[in-house]
Every structure is written in C-alpha cells, then in structure tokens.
Amino acid sequence: MSESITQIIKDTTSNPAPIGLLGFGMTTILLNIHNAGFMQMDTVIVALGVFYGGLAQFIAGIMEWKKGNTFASTAFVSYGSFWWTFLAVLIFLPKMGIHTVSAVTLTWYLVLWTIFTLGMFIATFKLSRSLQLVFLTLTLLFLFLDIHVATGSELFEHLAGYIGIICGAIAMYTGLAEVINEVHGNKVFPL
C-alpha cells in the first residue's frame, strides 16, 4: 500500500500587471502629448520608452508568464518589444547610419500592430471594462497612426495623439486601481 502525498504550492508573488499597465500608460501618454503636437520628441520620451515602456513591461510580461496569465504575458512582452522596435526604427538605427525606413514599411509595421491590438481587444471581452477601454482606444490609436503614416496627414497624427493620451490615462488608472484595491483589500476603484 503506497500513500499519495499531494502538496499545494501557493503563489505568493505579487501581481505584475500594475507595473506593465503603468509602464505602458505613462509612456503612451508622454509619446502622444508629442503626437498631439504639444511638444517635440526628446530624450525624456525616448528614455521612458526604453526603460519603462520597454523594459518594465517586458519584465512584467515574463512575470505574468510565470503566473500562467497568457493574455497579460502576451500583451506586456509584445508592447514592451513594440517600444524597443519603434524607438530603434525611428531614433537608434538612424543615429547609427541606417536610414532604410520608408513610409510604406512603417505603415505596414503599424498595420500589423493594429491587427494584433484588435485581436487583443477581442480577447478583453472576457476581462474588465477598463482593459476593454485600454485596448479599444489602443486599436483606434494604431488605426489613426496607420492613416497618418500612409498619408502624411497631420490631422490624423494629432487625433492619434489625443486618443493615445486617453488610452494611456485609462491604462494608468487601471494599474493604480489594481494597486490601491489590493492594498485596501476591497474595490476602492472599479475596474
């Protein structure tokens, strides 16, 4: 007669989603203040994009993978990588003398991100209302950026900027609400 021993391992690690949401939200707001025409692109936007939008989101995605959260892992690793590739294409590679980006290639790059984001938006139908709003506004942001890059329309760049500010603000709200709700042990801010 052999005894079977079952051991339950409790996950005591923290929720990485607020880090990813705040990294995404703050970087999205800052870049889109630029897109809306309120300030020039500068090193503050680039640094936030590399380290908080890129690195912190990527790490949050790996942490979500460890927790078994496919949606959050896919979102954070992908959008963290988006910031790195986007900044490499627009800033880092040209500074190294690689100037091969064209409006057509950049448009298709953004169209692929639009399609990916639309798919992620559809996945949010089973998630919180705030995440639905983040991905809805992000889909619109990418769509307007597609049109801006394809046509050169400053109007669509500015519209993308305004929607991006809203998208980033919703992501920041969601990340902060998750932290505040957890600390207080109840729903202080609805999600």
N, C-alpha and C. Protein backbone atom coordinates (compact mmCIF):
# COMPACT_ATOMS: atom_id res chain seq x y z
N MET A 1 0.85 -1.17 0.00
CA MET A 1 0.00 0.00 0.00
C MET A 1 0.90 1.24 0.00
N SER A 2 0.78 2.08 -1.02
CA SER A 2 1.57 3.30 -1.06
C SER A 2 0.67 4.50 -0.84
N GLU A 3 1.21 5.44 -0.14
CA GLU A 3 0.45 6.67 0.12
C GLU A 3 0.80 7.71 -0.93
N SER A 4 -0.20 8.42 -1.34
CA SER A 4 0.00 9.51 -2.29
C SER A 4 -0.01 10.81 -1.51
N ILE A 5 0.99 11.59 -1.68
CA ILE A 5 1.08 12.87 -1.00
C ILE A 5 0.91 13.97 -2.03
N THR A 6 -0.05 14.83 -1.77
CA THR A 6 -0.29 15.97 -2.64
C THR A 6 0.15 17.23 -1.92
N GLN A 7 0.95 18.00 -2.58
CA GLN A 7 1.40 19.25 -2.00
C GLN A 7 0.85 20.40 -2.84
N ILE A 8 0.24 21.33 -2.18
CA ILE A 8 -0.29 22.50 -2.86
C ILE A 8 0.70 23.64 -2.66
N ILE A 9 1.12 24.21 -3.76
CA ILE A 9 2.06 25.33 -3.70
C ILE A 9 1.27 26.60 -3.96
N LYS A 10 1.35 27.51 -3.01
CA LYS A 10 0.62 28.77 -3.13
C LYS A 10 1.55 29.82 -3.76
N ASP A 11 1.02 30.50 -4.76
CA ASP A 11 1.77 31.57 -5.41
C ASP A 11 1.71 32.80 -4.52
N THR A 12 2.84 33.20 -3.98
CA THR A 12 2.88 34.37 -3.09
C THR A 12 3.56 35.57 -3.76
N THR A 13 3.80 35.46 -5.06
CA THR A 13 4.43 36.59 -5.74
C THR A 13 3.39 37.67 -6.00
N SER A 14 3.88 38.87 -6.15
CA SER A 14 2.96 40.00 -6.35
C SER A 14 2.40 40.01 -7.77
N ASN A 15 1.39 40.82 -7.96
CA ASN A 15 0.73 40.98 -9.25
C ASN A 15 1.58 41.92 -10.11
N PRO A 16 2.15 41.44 -11.22
CA PRO A 16 2.99 42.29 -12.05
C PRO A 16 2.20 43.21 -13.00
N ALA A 17 0.90 42.98 -13.12
CA ALA A 17 0.11 43.76 -14.09
C ALA A 17 0.18 45.27 -13.87
N PRO A 18 0.13 45.77 -12.62
CA PRO A 18 0.21 47.23 -12.47
C PRO A 18 1.50 47.83 -13.03
N ILE A 19 2.61 47.12 -12.88
CA ILE A 19 3.87 47.63 -13.43
C ILE A 19 3.76 47.73 -14.95
N GLY A 20 3.25 46.68 -15.58
CA GLY A 20 3.09 46.70 -17.03
C GLY A 20 2.12 47.77 -17.49
N LEU A 21 0.99 47.89 -16.79
CA LEU A 21 -0.01 48.90 -17.16
C LEU A 21 0.51 50.31 -16.98
N LEU A 22 1.23 50.55 -15.89
CA LEU A 22 1.78 51.89 -15.66
C LEU A 22 2.92 52.20 -16.63
N GLY A 23 3.76 51.22 -16.92
CA GLY A 23 4.81 51.42 -17.92
C GLY A 23 4.22 51.75 -19.27
N PHE A 24 3.18 51.00 -19.65
CA PHE A 24 2.50 51.26 -20.91
C PHE A 24 1.81 52.62 -20.88
N GLY A 25 1.04 52.87 -19.81
CA GLY A 25 0.22 54.08 -19.73
C GLY A 25 1.03 55.36 -19.73
N MET A 26 2.05 55.42 -18.88
CA MET A 26 2.83 56.65 -18.77
C MET A 26 3.60 56.94 -20.05
N THR A 27 4.17 55.90 -20.65
CA THR A 27 4.92 56.09 -21.89
C THR A 27 3.98 56.48 -23.03
N THR A 28 2.81 55.87 -23.06
CA THR A 28 1.83 56.19 -24.10
C THR A 28 1.36 57.64 -23.99
N ILE A 29 1.11 58.08 -22.77
CA ILE A 29 0.70 59.48 -22.58
C ILE A 29 1.79 60.42 -23.07
N LEU A 30 3.01 60.20 -22.64
CA LEU A 30 4.10 61.12 -22.99
C LEU A 30 4.34 61.17 -24.50
N LEU A 31 4.40 60.00 -25.14
CA LEU A 31 4.61 59.99 -26.60
C LEU A 31 3.46 60.69 -27.32
N ASN A 32 2.25 60.50 -26.82
CA ASN A 32 1.11 61.06 -27.53
C ASN A 32 0.86 62.53 -27.22
N ILE A 33 1.44 63.04 -26.16
CA ILE A 33 1.48 64.50 -26.00
C ILE A 33 2.30 65.08 -27.15
N HIS A 34 3.35 64.37 -27.54
CA HIS A 34 4.14 64.75 -28.71
C HIS A 34 3.30 64.60 -29.99
N ASN A 35 2.64 63.44 -30.16
CA ASN A 35 1.84 63.22 -31.37
C ASN A 35 0.71 64.25 -31.52
N ALA A 36 0.16 64.69 -30.39
CA ALA A 36 -0.92 65.69 -30.43
C ALA A 36 -0.39 67.08 -30.78
N GLY A 37 0.93 67.24 -30.80
CA GLY A 37 1.53 68.49 -31.22
C GLY A 37 1.89 69.45 -30.09
N PHE A 38 1.90 68.95 -28.86
CA PHE A 38 2.17 69.83 -27.72
C PHE A 38 3.64 69.95 -27.36
N MET A 39 4.48 69.03 -27.84
CA MET A 39 5.92 69.11 -27.56
C MET A 39 6.69 68.31 -28.59
N GLN A 40 7.97 68.58 -28.68
CA GLN A 40 8.85 67.87 -29.61
C GLN A 40 9.26 66.53 -29.01
N MET A 41 9.67 65.61 -29.87
CA MET A 41 10.26 64.36 -29.43
C MET A 41 11.60 64.70 -28.79
N ASP A 42 11.85 64.18 -27.59
CA ASP A 42 13.14 64.42 -26.97
C ASP A 42 13.59 63.21 -26.17
N THR A 43 14.72 63.35 -25.49
CA THR A 43 15.32 62.21 -24.79
C THR A 43 14.47 61.72 -23.62
N VAL A 44 13.63 62.56 -23.05
CA VAL A 44 12.77 62.11 -21.95
C VAL A 44 11.79 61.05 -22.46
N ILE A 45 11.18 61.31 -23.60
CA ILE A 45 10.24 60.35 -24.20
C ILE A 45 10.98 59.06 -24.55
N VAL A 46 12.15 59.19 -25.15
CA VAL A 46 12.92 58.02 -25.55
C VAL A 46 13.34 57.20 -24.33
N ALA A 47 13.84 57.86 -23.29
CA ALA A 47 14.28 57.14 -22.09
C ALA A 47 13.11 56.42 -21.41
N LEU A 48 11.97 57.09 -21.29
CA LEU A 48 10.80 56.44 -20.69
C LEU A 48 10.36 55.27 -21.55
N GLY A 49 10.41 55.45 -22.88
CA GLY A 49 10.03 54.37 -23.79
C GLY A 49 10.94 53.16 -23.68
N VAL A 50 12.24 53.39 -23.58
CA VAL A 50 13.19 52.28 -23.49
C VAL A 50 13.05 51.53 -22.16
N PHE A 51 13.04 52.29 -21.07
CA PHE A 51 13.15 51.64 -19.77
C PHE A 51 11.82 51.29 -19.11
N TYR A 52 10.84 52.17 -19.17
CA TYR A 52 9.57 51.86 -18.51
C TYR A 52 8.57 51.25 -19.49
N GLY A 53 8.46 51.84 -20.67
CA GLY A 53 7.58 51.28 -21.69
C GLY A 53 8.11 49.98 -22.24
N GLY A 54 9.42 49.87 -22.40
CA GLY A 54 10.02 48.66 -22.95
C GLY A 54 10.42 47.65 -21.89
N LEU A 55 11.42 47.98 -21.11
CA LEU A 55 11.99 47.03 -20.16
C LEU A 55 11.02 46.61 -19.06
N ALA A 56 10.39 47.56 -18.39
CA ALA A 56 9.49 47.21 -17.28
C ALA A 56 8.30 46.39 -17.78
N GLN A 57 7.75 46.76 -18.93
CA GLN A 57 6.64 45.98 -19.48
C GLN A 57 7.09 44.57 -19.85
N PHE A 58 8.26 44.47 -20.45
CA PHE A 58 8.77 43.16 -20.84
C PHE A 58 8.95 42.27 -19.61
N ILE A 59 9.54 42.82 -18.56
CA ILE A 59 9.72 42.05 -17.32
C ILE A 59 8.37 41.66 -16.73
N ALA A 60 7.41 42.60 -16.73
CA ALA A 60 6.06 42.28 -16.23
C ALA A 60 5.45 41.15 -17.04
N GLY A 61 5.69 41.13 -18.34
CA GLY A 61 5.17 40.06 -19.19
C GLY A 61 5.77 38.70 -18.83
N ILE A 62 7.06 38.67 -18.56
CA ILE A 62 7.72 37.42 -18.14
C ILE A 62 7.15 36.97 -16.80
N MET A 63 6.92 37.92 -15.90
CA MET A 63 6.33 37.57 -14.59
C MET A 63 4.91 37.04 -14.77
N GLU A 64 4.15 37.61 -15.69
CA GLU A 64 2.79 37.12 -15.96
C GLU A 64 2.84 35.71 -16.57
N TRP A 65 3.83 35.44 -17.40
CA TRP A 65 4.01 34.10 -17.95
C TRP A 65 4.20 33.10 -16.82
N LYS A 66 5.03 33.48 -15.85
CA LYS A 66 5.28 32.60 -14.70
C LYS A 66 3.99 32.32 -13.92
N LYS A 67 3.10 33.29 -13.89
CA LYS A 67 1.82 33.13 -13.19
C LYS A 67 0.77 32.39 -14.04
N GLY A 68 1.09 32.13 -15.30
CA GLY A 68 0.16 31.42 -16.17
C GLY A 68 -0.88 32.32 -16.82
N ASN A 69 -0.62 33.62 -16.87
CA ASN A 69 -1.57 34.57 -17.46
C ASN A 69 -1.16 34.86 -18.90
N THR A 70 -1.69 34.08 -19.82
CA THR A 70 -1.32 34.18 -21.23
C THR A 70 -1.63 35.55 -21.81
N PHE A 71 -2.81 36.09 -21.51
CA PHE A 71 -3.18 37.39 -22.06
C PHE A 71 -2.19 38.47 -21.64
N ALA A 72 -1.96 38.60 -20.33
CA ALA A 72 -1.08 39.66 -19.84
C ALA A 72 0.36 39.44 -20.28
N SER A 73 0.80 38.20 -20.31
CA SER A 73 2.15 37.90 -20.77
C SER A 73 2.32 38.32 -22.22
N THR A 74 1.37 37.95 -23.06
CA THR A 74 1.42 38.31 -24.48
C THR A 74 1.39 39.82 -24.65
N ALA A 75 0.51 40.49 -23.92
CA ALA A 75 0.38 41.94 -24.05
C ALA A 75 1.67 42.65 -23.62
N PHE A 76 2.16 42.35 -22.43
CA PHE A 76 3.30 43.10 -21.90
C PHE A 76 4.59 42.80 -22.64
N VAL A 77 4.86 41.54 -22.97
CA VAL A 77 6.07 41.23 -23.73
C VAL A 77 5.99 41.87 -25.12
N SER A 78 4.81 41.80 -25.75
CA SER A 78 4.66 42.36 -27.09
C SER A 78 4.79 43.88 -27.11
N TYR A 79 4.05 44.55 -26.22
CA TYR A 79 4.11 46.02 -26.24
C TYR A 79 5.43 46.55 -25.68
N GLY A 80 6.05 45.81 -24.77
CA GLY A 80 7.41 46.17 -24.35
C GLY A 80 8.36 46.11 -25.53
N SER A 81 8.21 45.05 -26.33
CA SER A 81 9.03 44.90 -27.54
C SER A 81 8.67 45.95 -28.59
N PHE A 82 7.38 46.33 -28.64
CA PHE A 82 6.98 47.40 -29.55
C PHE A 82 7.80 48.66 -29.28
N TRP A 83 7.89 49.06 -28.01
CA TRP A 83 8.62 50.30 -27.70
C TRP A 83 10.05 50.20 -28.16
N TRP A 84 10.69 49.06 -27.94
CA TRP A 84 12.08 48.90 -28.36
C TRP A 84 12.22 48.97 -29.87
N THR A 85 11.37 48.26 -30.60
CA THR A 85 11.49 48.28 -32.06
C THR A 85 11.13 49.65 -32.63
N PHE A 86 10.09 50.25 -32.08
CA PHE A 86 9.66 51.56 -32.57
C PHE A 86 10.76 52.61 -32.39
N LEU A 87 11.36 52.64 -31.22
CA LEU A 87 12.43 53.61 -30.97
C LEU A 87 13.68 53.27 -31.76
N ALA A 88 13.94 51.98 -31.96
CA ALA A 88 15.10 51.60 -32.78
C ALA A 88 14.91 52.09 -34.21
N VAL A 89 13.72 51.89 -34.76
CA VAL A 89 13.44 52.29 -36.14
C VAL A 89 13.51 53.81 -36.31
N LEU A 90 12.91 54.53 -35.38
CA LEU A 90 12.82 55.99 -35.54
C LEU A 90 14.05 56.75 -35.07
N ILE A 91 14.78 56.21 -34.09
CA ILE A 91 15.85 57.00 -33.49
C ILE A 91 17.21 56.30 -33.51
N PHE A 92 17.30 55.10 -32.91
CA PHE A 92 18.60 54.48 -32.70
C PHE A 92 19.28 54.05 -33.99
N LEU A 93 18.58 53.37 -34.87
CA LEU A 93 19.20 52.91 -36.11
C LEU A 93 19.60 54.08 -37.02
N PRO A 94 18.76 55.12 -37.18
CA PRO A 94 19.21 56.27 -37.97
C PRO A 94 20.47 56.94 -37.39
N LYS A 95 20.60 56.96 -36.07
CA LYS A 95 21.81 57.56 -35.45
C LYS A 95 23.04 56.72 -35.76
N MET A 96 22.82 55.44 -36.08
CA MET A 96 23.93 54.55 -36.43
C MET A 96 24.17 54.55 -37.94
N GLY A 97 23.45 55.40 -38.67
CA GLY A 97 23.64 55.50 -40.11
C GLY A 97 22.75 54.58 -40.93
N ILE A 98 21.80 53.91 -40.29
CA ILE A 98 20.89 53.03 -41.01
C ILE A 98 19.58 53.78 -41.24
N HIS A 99 19.37 54.24 -42.47
CA HIS A 99 18.21 55.09 -42.80
C HIS A 99 17.33 54.42 -43.84
N THR A 100 16.95 53.19 -43.64
CA THR A 100 16.21 52.49 -44.67
C THR A 100 14.70 52.44 -44.41
N VAL A 101 14.20 53.17 -43.42
CA VAL A 101 12.76 53.15 -43.14
C VAL A 101 12.03 53.97 -44.21
N SER A 102 10.92 53.42 -44.68
CA SER A 102 10.09 54.14 -45.64
C SER A 102 8.69 54.26 -45.06
N ALA A 103 7.91 55.17 -45.61
CA ALA A 103 6.53 55.34 -45.16
C ALA A 103 5.74 54.05 -45.39
N VAL A 104 6.02 53.36 -46.47
CA VAL A 104 5.30 52.11 -46.77
C VAL A 104 5.63 51.05 -45.72
N THR A 105 6.91 50.87 -45.44
CA THR A 105 7.31 49.87 -44.46
C THR A 105 6.79 50.22 -43.07
N LEU A 106 6.90 51.48 -42.69
CA LEU A 106 6.42 51.90 -41.37
C LEU A 106 4.90 51.76 -41.28
N THR A 107 4.20 52.03 -42.38
CA THR A 107 2.74 51.84 -42.38
C THR A 107 2.40 50.38 -42.14
N TRP A 108 3.07 49.47 -42.85
CA TRP A 108 2.78 48.04 -42.66
C TRP A 108 3.17 47.58 -41.26
N TYR A 109 4.24 48.10 -40.73
CA TYR A 109 4.64 47.81 -39.34
C TYR A 109 3.50 48.18 -38.40
N LEU A 110 2.95 49.37 -38.57
CA LEU A 110 1.85 49.83 -37.72
C LEU A 110 0.55 49.07 -37.99
N VAL A 111 0.30 48.70 -39.24
CA VAL A 111 -0.90 47.92 -39.56
C VAL A 111 -0.84 46.56 -38.85
N LEU A 112 0.33 45.94 -38.84
CA LEU A 112 0.45 44.66 -38.12
C LEU A 112 0.16 44.84 -36.63
N TRP A 113 0.63 45.94 -36.04
CA TRP A 113 0.33 46.22 -34.63
C TRP A 113 -1.16 46.52 -34.43
N THR A 114 -1.78 47.12 -35.43
CA THR A 114 -3.23 47.37 -35.35
C THR A 114 -3.99 46.06 -35.33
N ILE A 115 -3.62 45.14 -36.20
CA ILE A 115 -4.29 43.84 -36.26
C ILE A 115 -4.07 43.08 -34.95
N PHE A 116 -2.84 43.06 -34.47
CA PHE A 116 -2.54 42.40 -33.19
C PHE A 116 -3.37 43.01 -32.06
N THR A 117 -3.44 44.33 -32.02
CA THR A 117 -4.17 45.01 -30.96
C THR A 117 -5.68 44.75 -31.06
N LEU A 118 -6.20 44.68 -32.26
CA LEU A 118 -7.61 44.34 -32.44
C LEU A 118 -7.89 42.95 -31.88
N GLY A 119 -7.01 42.01 -32.15
CA GLY A 119 -7.16 40.67 -31.60
C GLY A 119 -7.12 40.67 -30.08
N MET A 120 -6.22 41.46 -29.50
CA MET A 120 -6.14 41.56 -28.04
C MET A 120 -7.39 42.24 -27.48
N PHE A 121 -7.92 43.22 -28.22
CA PHE A 121 -9.17 43.87 -27.79
C PHE A 121 -10.30 42.85 -27.74
N ILE A 122 -10.40 42.00 -28.74
CA ILE A 122 -11.44 40.96 -28.75
C ILE A 122 -11.27 40.05 -27.53
N ALA A 123 -10.03 39.73 -27.18
CA ALA A 123 -9.79 38.89 -26.00
C ALA A 123 -10.27 39.56 -24.71
N THR A 124 -10.30 40.89 -24.68
CA THR A 124 -10.71 41.58 -23.45
C THR A 124 -12.21 41.49 -23.18
N PHE A 125 -12.98 40.96 -24.12
CA PHE A 125 -14.43 40.85 -23.90
C PHE A 125 -14.74 40.00 -22.67
N LYS A 126 -13.80 39.16 -22.27
CA LYS A 126 -13.97 38.34 -21.07
C LYS A 126 -13.23 38.93 -19.87
N LEU A 127 -12.69 40.13 -20.02
CA LEU A 127 -11.92 40.76 -18.95
C LEU A 127 -12.63 42.02 -18.47
N SER A 128 -11.93 42.83 -17.71
CA SER A 128 -12.55 44.02 -17.09
C SER A 128 -12.89 45.09 -18.12
N ARG A 129 -13.84 45.93 -17.76
CA ARG A 129 -14.26 47.04 -18.61
C ARG A 129 -13.08 47.99 -18.86
N SER A 130 -12.25 48.22 -17.84
CA SER A 130 -11.13 49.15 -18.04
C SER A 130 -10.13 48.60 -19.06
N LEU A 131 -9.88 47.29 -19.04
CA LEU A 131 -8.98 46.72 -20.05
C LEU A 131 -9.61 46.77 -21.44
N GLN A 132 -10.92 46.61 -21.50
CA GLN A 132 -11.61 46.75 -22.79
C GLN A 132 -11.39 48.15 -23.35
N LEU A 133 -11.49 49.16 -22.49
CA LEU A 133 -11.30 50.54 -22.94
C LEU A 133 -9.85 50.81 -23.34
N VAL A 134 -8.89 50.24 -22.60
CA VAL A 134 -7.48 50.40 -22.97
C VAL A 134 -7.27 49.87 -24.38
N PHE A 135 -7.74 48.65 -24.65
CA PHE A 135 -7.47 48.03 -25.95
C PHE A 135 -8.33 48.61 -27.07
N LEU A 136 -9.51 49.10 -26.76
CA LEU A 136 -10.31 49.78 -27.77
C LEU A 136 -9.61 51.07 -28.21
N THR A 137 -9.21 51.89 -27.25
CA THR A 137 -8.54 53.15 -27.59
C THR A 137 -7.18 52.89 -28.24
N LEU A 138 -6.50 51.82 -27.83
CA LEU A 138 -5.21 51.50 -28.45
C LEU A 138 -5.40 51.06 -29.90
N THR A 139 -6.45 50.32 -30.17
CA THR A 139 -6.75 49.94 -31.56
C THR A 139 -7.00 51.18 -32.40
N LEU A 140 -7.78 52.12 -31.88
CA LEU A 140 -8.04 53.37 -32.61
C LEU A 140 -6.76 54.18 -32.78
N LEU A 141 -5.92 54.22 -31.75
CA LEU A 141 -4.64 54.93 -31.82
C LEU A 141 -3.81 54.38 -32.97
N PHE A 142 -3.65 53.06 -33.02
CA PHE A 142 -2.87 52.47 -34.11
C PHE A 142 -3.51 52.73 -35.47
N LEU A 143 -4.83 52.64 -35.56
CA LEU A 143 -5.52 52.90 -36.82
C LEU A 143 -5.23 54.32 -37.32
N PHE A 144 -5.32 55.30 -36.42
CA PHE A 144 -5.04 56.68 -36.81
C PHE A 144 -3.56 56.88 -37.16
N LEU A 145 -2.67 56.18 -36.46
CA LEU A 145 -1.25 56.25 -36.83
C LEU A 145 -1.01 55.63 -38.20
N ASP A 146 -1.72 54.53 -38.50
CA ASP A 146 -1.63 53.92 -39.83
C ASP A 146 -1.96 54.96 -40.91
N ILE A 147 -3.08 55.64 -40.71
CA ILE A 147 -3.54 56.63 -41.69
C ILE A 147 -2.55 57.79 -41.76
N HIS A 148 -2.07 58.24 -40.61
CA HIS A 148 -1.10 59.35 -40.59
C HIS A 148 0.16 59.00 -41.37
N VAL A 149 0.74 57.84 -41.10
CA VAL A 149 1.99 57.47 -41.76
C VAL A 149 1.76 57.21 -43.25
N ALA A 150 0.64 56.59 -43.60
CA ALA A 150 0.35 56.29 -45.01
C ALA A 150 0.09 57.55 -45.83
N THR A 151 -0.54 58.56 -45.20
CA THR A 151 -0.95 59.75 -45.96
C THR A 151 -0.14 61.00 -45.62
N GLY A 152 0.54 60.98 -44.50
CA GLY A 152 1.24 62.18 -44.05
C GLY A 152 0.31 63.19 -43.39
N SER A 153 -0.93 62.79 -43.12
CA SER A 153 -1.92 63.70 -42.55
C SER A 153 -1.59 64.09 -41.11
N GLU A 154 -1.35 65.38 -40.92
CA GLU A 154 -1.08 65.90 -39.57
C GLU A 154 -2.33 65.79 -38.69
N LEU A 155 -3.50 65.91 -39.30
CA LEU A 155 -4.76 65.78 -38.56
C LEU A 155 -4.84 64.42 -37.88
N PHE A 156 -4.51 63.34 -38.62
CA PHE A 156 -4.59 62.00 -38.04
C PHE A 156 -3.49 61.77 -37.00
N GLU A 157 -2.34 62.42 -37.18
CA GLU A 157 -1.30 62.34 -36.14
C GLU A 157 -1.82 62.97 -34.85
N HIS A 158 -2.45 64.14 -34.96
CA HIS A 158 -2.97 64.81 -33.77
C HIS A 158 -4.13 64.04 -33.15
N LEU A 159 -5.02 63.49 -33.98
CA LEU A 159 -6.12 62.67 -33.47
C LEU A 159 -5.57 61.44 -32.74
N ALA A 160 -4.55 60.81 -33.33
CA ALA A 160 -3.90 59.67 -32.67
C ALA A 160 -3.33 60.11 -31.33
N GLY A 161 -2.75 61.30 -31.30
CA GLY A 161 -2.19 61.81 -30.05
C GLY A 161 -3.24 61.97 -28.96
N TYR A 162 -4.38 62.54 -29.30
CA TYR A 162 -5.44 62.72 -28.30
C TYR A 162 -5.98 61.38 -27.81
N ILE A 163 -6.18 60.45 -28.75
CA ILE A 163 -6.66 59.13 -28.35
C ILE A 163 -5.60 58.41 -27.52
N GLY A 164 -4.34 58.59 -27.88
CA GLY A 164 -3.25 57.97 -27.12
C GLY A 164 -3.17 58.49 -25.70
N ILE A 165 -3.41 59.77 -25.51
CA ILE A 165 -3.42 60.33 -24.16
C ILE A 165 -4.54 59.70 -23.35
N ILE A 166 -5.71 59.54 -23.95
CA ILE A 166 -6.85 58.90 -23.27
C ILE A 166 -6.52 57.44 -22.96
N CYS A 167 -5.97 56.73 -23.95
CA CYS A 167 -5.60 55.33 -23.77
C CYS A 167 -4.60 55.17 -22.61
N GLY A 168 -3.57 55.98 -22.62
CA GLY A 168 -2.56 55.91 -21.56
C GLY A 168 -3.14 56.24 -20.20
N ALA A 169 -4.05 57.21 -20.16
CA ALA A 169 -4.68 57.58 -18.88
C ALA A 169 -5.53 56.43 -18.34
N ILE A 170 -6.24 55.74 -19.22
CA ILE A 170 -7.05 54.59 -18.78
C ILE A 170 -6.14 53.47 -18.27
N ALA A 171 -5.02 53.24 -18.96
CA ALA A 171 -4.06 52.22 -18.52
C ALA A 171 -3.47 52.59 -17.16
N MET A 172 -3.13 53.87 -16.98
CA MET A 172 -2.61 54.31 -15.68
C MET A 172 -3.65 54.13 -14.59
N TYR A 173 -4.88 54.52 -14.88
CA TYR A 173 -5.97 54.35 -13.91
C TYR A 173 -6.09 52.87 -13.52
N THR A 174 -6.06 51.99 -14.52
CA THR A 174 -6.22 50.56 -14.26
C THR A 174 -5.09 50.03 -13.39
N GLY A 175 -3.85 50.40 -13.72
CA GLY A 175 -2.71 49.95 -12.93
C GLY A 175 -2.76 50.47 -11.50
N LEU A 176 -3.08 51.76 -11.34
CA LEU A 176 -3.16 52.33 -9.99
C LEU A 176 -4.34 51.76 -9.22
N ALA A 177 -5.47 51.53 -9.90
CA ALA A 177 -6.65 50.95 -9.23
C ALA A 177 -6.32 49.55 -8.72
N GLU A 178 -5.58 48.76 -9.51
CA GLU A 178 -5.20 47.42 -9.05
C GLU A 178 -4.34 47.50 -7.79
N VAL A 179 -3.40 48.43 -7.74
CA VAL A 179 -2.54 48.58 -6.56
C VAL A 179 -3.37 49.04 -5.36
N ILE A 180 -4.15 50.10 -5.55
CA ILE A 180 -4.94 50.66 -4.45
C ILE A 180 -5.96 49.64 -3.93
N ASN A 181 -6.64 48.96 -4.83
CA ASN A 181 -7.62 47.96 -4.42
C ASN A 181 -6.97 46.84 -3.62
N GLU A 182 -5.80 46.40 -4.07
CA GLU A 182 -5.11 45.32 -3.36
C GLU A 182 -4.65 45.78 -1.97
N VAL A 183 -4.09 46.97 -1.90
CA VAL A 183 -3.61 47.49 -0.61
C VAL A 183 -4.76 47.65 0.37
N HIS A 184 -5.89 48.11 -0.11
CA HIS A 184 -7.05 48.34 0.77
C HIS A 184 -7.87 47.08 1.02
N GLY A 185 -7.63 46.05 0.21
CA GLY A 185 -8.33 44.79 0.41
C GLY A 185 -9.78 44.81 -0.05
N ASN A 186 -10.16 45.81 -0.80
CA ASN A 186 -11.51 45.86 -1.38
C ASN A 186 -11.51 46.76 -2.61
N LYS A 187 -12.63 46.83 -3.28
CA LYS A 187 -12.71 47.58 -4.53
C LYS A 187 -12.94 49.06 -4.22
N VAL A 188 -11.86 49.81 -4.12
CA VAL A 188 -11.94 51.25 -3.93
C VAL A 188 -12.24 51.92 -5.27
N PHE A 189 -11.56 51.46 -6.31
CA PHE A 189 -11.75 51.98 -7.67
C PHE A 189 -12.26 50.84 -8.57
N PRO A 190 -13.36 51.04 -9.27
CA PRO A 190 -13.90 49.98 -10.12
C PRO A 190 -13.00 49.74 -11.33
N LEU A 191 -12.98 48.51 -11.75
CA LEU A 191 -12.20 48.11 -12.94
C LEU A 191 -13.17 47.64 -14.00
